[in-house]
Amino acid sequence: MRNEFTAIIEQDGDWLIAYCPEIPGANGQGHTKDEARTSLAEAIALILEDRRQDAFRGTPPEAIHETVTVE
């Protein structure tokens, strides 16, 4: 599944700090723009996986699970 999110990257001393306004709490950092983007992408993936697992806790076993694609 492919998702696209916004990366806001700002200089902070020797570091570039990246965050994603669509995913609260998703932050990354690096000495280069590529490092900051990669770090942010990893943070987004971890947060989404955690939220996905959390969302299924307490779901009744008889509930229907289907995939929805958003383009």
N, C-alpha and C. Protein backbone atom coordinates (compact mmCIF):
# COMPACT_ATOMS: atom_id res chain seq x y z
N MET A 1 0.84 -1.17 0.00
CA MET A 1 0.00 0.00 0.00
C MET A 1 0.89 1.24 0.00
N ARG A 2 0.57 2.16 -0.83
CA ARG A 2 1.35 3.40 -0.92
C ARG A 2 0.56 4.55 -0.30
N ASN A 3 1.21 5.26 0.56
CA ASN A 3 0.63 6.44 1.18
C ASN A 3 1.57 7.60 0.98
N GLU A 4 1.03 8.79 0.85
CA GLU A 4 1.85 9.98 0.73
C GLU A 4 1.47 10.96 1.84
N PHE A 5 2.50 11.50 2.49
CA PHE A 5 2.30 12.44 3.58
C PHE A 5 3.21 13.64 3.36
N THR A 6 2.91 14.72 4.03
CA THR A 6 3.71 15.94 3.95
C THR A 6 4.87 15.87 4.93
N ALA A 7 6.06 16.21 4.46
CA ALA A 7 7.23 16.32 5.33
C ALA A 7 7.60 17.80 5.42
N ILE A 8 7.56 18.34 6.62
CA ILE A 8 8.04 19.70 6.87
C ILE A 8 9.43 19.55 7.47
N ILE A 9 10.42 20.19 6.84
CA ILE A 9 11.81 20.05 7.28
C ILE A 9 12.36 21.43 7.61
N GLU A 10 12.91 21.56 8.82
CA GLU A 10 13.45 22.83 9.27
C GLU A 10 14.86 22.63 9.81
N GLN A 11 15.68 23.64 9.62
CA GLN A 11 17.05 23.63 10.15
C GLN A 11 17.01 23.95 11.64
N ASP A 12 17.76 23.20 12.45
CA ASP A 12 17.89 23.46 13.88
C ASP A 12 19.35 23.23 14.26
N GLY A 13 20.14 24.28 14.16
CA GLY A 13 21.58 24.14 14.39
C GLY A 13 22.20 23.27 13.31
N ASP A 14 22.90 22.23 13.73
CA ASP A 14 23.53 21.30 12.78
C ASP A 14 22.56 20.24 12.26
N TRP A 15 21.35 20.21 12.78
CA TRP A 15 20.38 19.17 12.44
C TRP A 15 19.27 19.71 11.55
N LEU A 16 18.71 18.81 10.77
CA LEU A 16 17.46 19.07 10.08
C LEU A 16 16.39 18.27 10.80
N ILE A 17 15.34 18.95 11.20
CA ILE A 17 14.23 18.33 11.93
C ILE A 17 13.06 18.20 10.98
N ALA A 18 12.46 17.02 10.92
CA ALA A 18 11.33 16.77 10.03
C ALA A 18 10.12 16.35 10.84
N TYR A 19 8.95 16.82 10.41
CA TYR A 19 7.71 16.37 11.04
C TYR A 19 6.61 16.30 10.00
N CYS A 20 5.56 15.58 10.36
CA CYS A 20 4.45 15.36 9.44
C CYS A 20 3.18 15.88 10.08
N PRO A 21 2.58 16.94 9.53
CA PRO A 21 1.38 17.51 10.14
C PRO A 21 0.17 16.57 10.12
N GLU A 22 0.14 15.62 9.18
CA GLU A 22 -1.00 14.70 9.12
C GLU A 22 -0.93 13.59 10.16
N ILE A 23 0.26 13.34 10.70
CA ILE A 23 0.46 12.26 11.68
C ILE A 23 1.07 12.87 12.94
N PRO A 24 0.24 13.32 13.87
CA PRO A 24 0.78 13.91 15.10
C PRO A 24 1.76 12.96 15.80
N GLY A 25 2.88 13.50 16.21
CA GLY A 25 3.88 12.71 16.90
C GLY A 25 4.95 12.13 15.99
N ALA A 26 4.76 12.22 14.67
CA ALA A 26 5.75 11.69 13.73
C ALA A 26 6.83 12.74 13.50
N ASN A 27 8.04 12.43 13.96
CA ASN A 27 9.17 13.34 13.85
C ASN A 27 10.40 12.57 13.40
N GLY A 28 11.28 13.25 12.70
CA GLY A 28 12.55 12.65 12.29
C GLY A 28 13.64 13.70 12.34
N GLN A 29 14.86 13.25 12.20
CA GLN A 29 15.98 14.18 12.20
C GLN A 29 17.13 13.58 11.42
N GLY A 30 18.05 14.44 11.01
CA GLY A 30 19.23 13.99 10.30
C GLY A 30 20.13 15.16 10.00
N HIS A 31 21.33 14.84 9.55
CA HIS A 31 22.28 15.89 9.17
C HIS A 31 22.08 16.32 7.73
N THR A 32 21.34 15.50 6.96
CA THR A 32 21.00 15.85 5.58
C THR A 32 19.49 15.75 5.41
N LYS A 33 18.99 16.33 4.33
CA LYS A 33 17.56 16.26 4.05
C LYS A 33 17.12 14.81 3.88
N ASP A 34 17.92 14.01 3.18
CA ASP A 34 17.57 12.60 2.97
C ASP A 34 17.51 11.83 4.28
N GLU A 35 18.47 12.09 5.17
CA GLU A 35 18.45 11.43 6.48
C GLU A 35 17.20 11.81 7.26
N ALA A 36 16.85 13.08 7.25
CA ALA A 36 15.68 13.55 7.98
C ALA A 36 14.40 12.93 7.41
N ARG A 37 14.29 12.88 6.08
CA ARG A 37 13.11 12.29 5.43
C ARG A 37 13.00 10.79 5.73
N THR A 38 14.13 10.09 5.68
CA THR A 38 14.13 8.65 5.98
C THR A 38 13.73 8.40 7.42
N SER A 39 14.28 9.21 8.33
CA SER A 39 13.94 9.08 9.75
C SER A 39 12.45 9.34 9.97
N LEU A 40 11.92 10.35 9.29
CA LEU A 40 10.50 10.67 9.40
C LEU A 40 9.65 9.54 8.84
N ALA A 41 10.03 8.99 7.70
CA ALA A 41 9.27 7.89 7.10
C ALA A 41 9.22 6.69 8.03
N GLU A 42 10.33 6.38 8.69
CA GLU A 42 10.36 5.28 9.65
C GLU A 42 9.43 5.56 10.84
N ALA A 43 9.43 6.79 11.32
CA ALA A 43 8.55 7.17 12.43
C ALA A 43 7.08 7.05 12.03
N ILE A 44 6.74 7.50 10.83
CA ILE A 44 5.36 7.40 10.34
C ILE A 44 4.94 5.94 10.27
N ALA A 45 5.78 5.08 9.71
CA ALA A 45 5.46 3.66 9.60
C ALA A 45 5.21 3.03 10.96
N LEU A 46 6.06 3.35 11.94
CA LEU A 46 5.89 2.80 13.29
C LEU A 46 4.59 3.27 13.93
N ILE A 47 4.29 4.54 13.80
CA ILE A 47 3.07 5.10 14.39
C ILE A 47 1.83 4.47 13.75
N LEU A 48 1.81 4.38 12.42
CA LEU A 48 0.65 3.81 11.74
C LEU A 48 0.45 2.34 12.11
N GLU A 49 1.53 1.58 12.20
CA GLU A 49 1.41 0.17 12.59
C GLU A 49 0.88 0.05 14.02
N ASP A 50 1.38 0.87 14.92
CA ASP A 50 0.91 0.85 16.30
C ASP A 50 -0.57 1.21 16.37
N ARG A 51 -0.97 2.24 15.64
CA ARG A 51 -2.38 2.65 15.64
C ARG A 51 -3.27 1.58 15.03
N ARG A 52 -2.78 0.91 13.98
CA ARG A 52 -3.55 -0.16 13.35
C ARG A 52 -3.78 -1.29 14.34
N GLN A 53 -2.72 -1.72 15.03
CA GLN A 53 -2.85 -2.79 16.02
C GLN A 53 -3.79 -2.36 17.15
N ASP A 54 -3.65 -1.14 17.61
CA ASP A 54 -4.48 -0.62 18.69
C ASP A 54 -5.95 -0.57 18.28
N ALA A 55 -6.21 -0.25 17.03
CA ALA A 55 -7.59 -0.12 16.55
C ALA A 55 -8.33 -1.45 16.58
N PHE A 56 -7.62 -2.56 16.42
CA PHE A 56 -8.28 -3.87 16.37
C PHE A 56 -8.51 -4.47 17.75
N ARG A 57 -7.91 -3.91 18.78
CA ARG A 57 -8.14 -4.43 20.13
C ARG A 57 -9.60 -4.23 20.51
N GLY A 58 -10.23 -5.29 20.92
CA GLY A 58 -11.63 -5.21 21.33
C GLY A 58 -12.62 -5.35 20.18
N THR A 59 -12.12 -5.56 18.95
CA THR A 59 -13.03 -5.77 17.83
C THR A 59 -13.67 -7.14 17.98
N PRO A 60 -15.01 -7.23 17.86
CA PRO A 60 -15.66 -8.53 18.00
C PRO A 60 -15.17 -9.51 16.92
N PRO A 61 -15.00 -10.78 17.27
CA PRO A 61 -14.49 -11.76 16.31
C PRO A 61 -15.38 -11.92 15.08
N GLU A 62 -16.67 -11.64 15.21
CA GLU A 62 -17.59 -11.80 14.08
C GLU A 62 -17.62 -10.58 13.16
N ALA A 63 -16.89 -9.53 13.52
CA ALA A 63 -16.87 -8.32 12.69
C ALA A 63 -16.21 -8.61 11.34
N ILE A 64 -16.72 -7.96 10.31
CA ILE A 64 -16.16 -8.12 8.98
C ILE A 64 -14.99 -7.14 8.81
N HIS A 65 -13.87 -7.66 8.32
CA HIS A 65 -12.68 -6.85 8.06
C HIS A 65 -12.46 -6.82 6.55
N GLU A 66 -12.49 -5.66 5.95
CA GLU A 66 -12.23 -5.50 4.53
C GLU A 66 -11.20 -4.40 4.33
N THR A 67 -10.60 -4.38 3.17
CA THR A 67 -9.62 -3.37 2.82
C THR A 67 -10.29 -2.28 1.98
N VAL A 68 -10.00 -1.04 2.30
CA VAL A 68 -10.49 0.11 1.55
C VAL A 68 -9.27 0.81 0.95
N THR A 69 -9.31 1.08 -0.34
CA THR A 69 -8.21 1.76 -1.01
C THR A 69 -8.59 3.21 -1.27
N VAL A 70 -7.72 4.12 -0.88
CA VAL A 70 -7.94 5.55 -1.10
C VAL A 70 -6.85 6.03 -2.04
N GLU A 71 -7.25 6.65 -3.13
CA GLU A 71 -6.26 7.15 -4.09
C GLU A 71 -6.32 8.64 -4.20
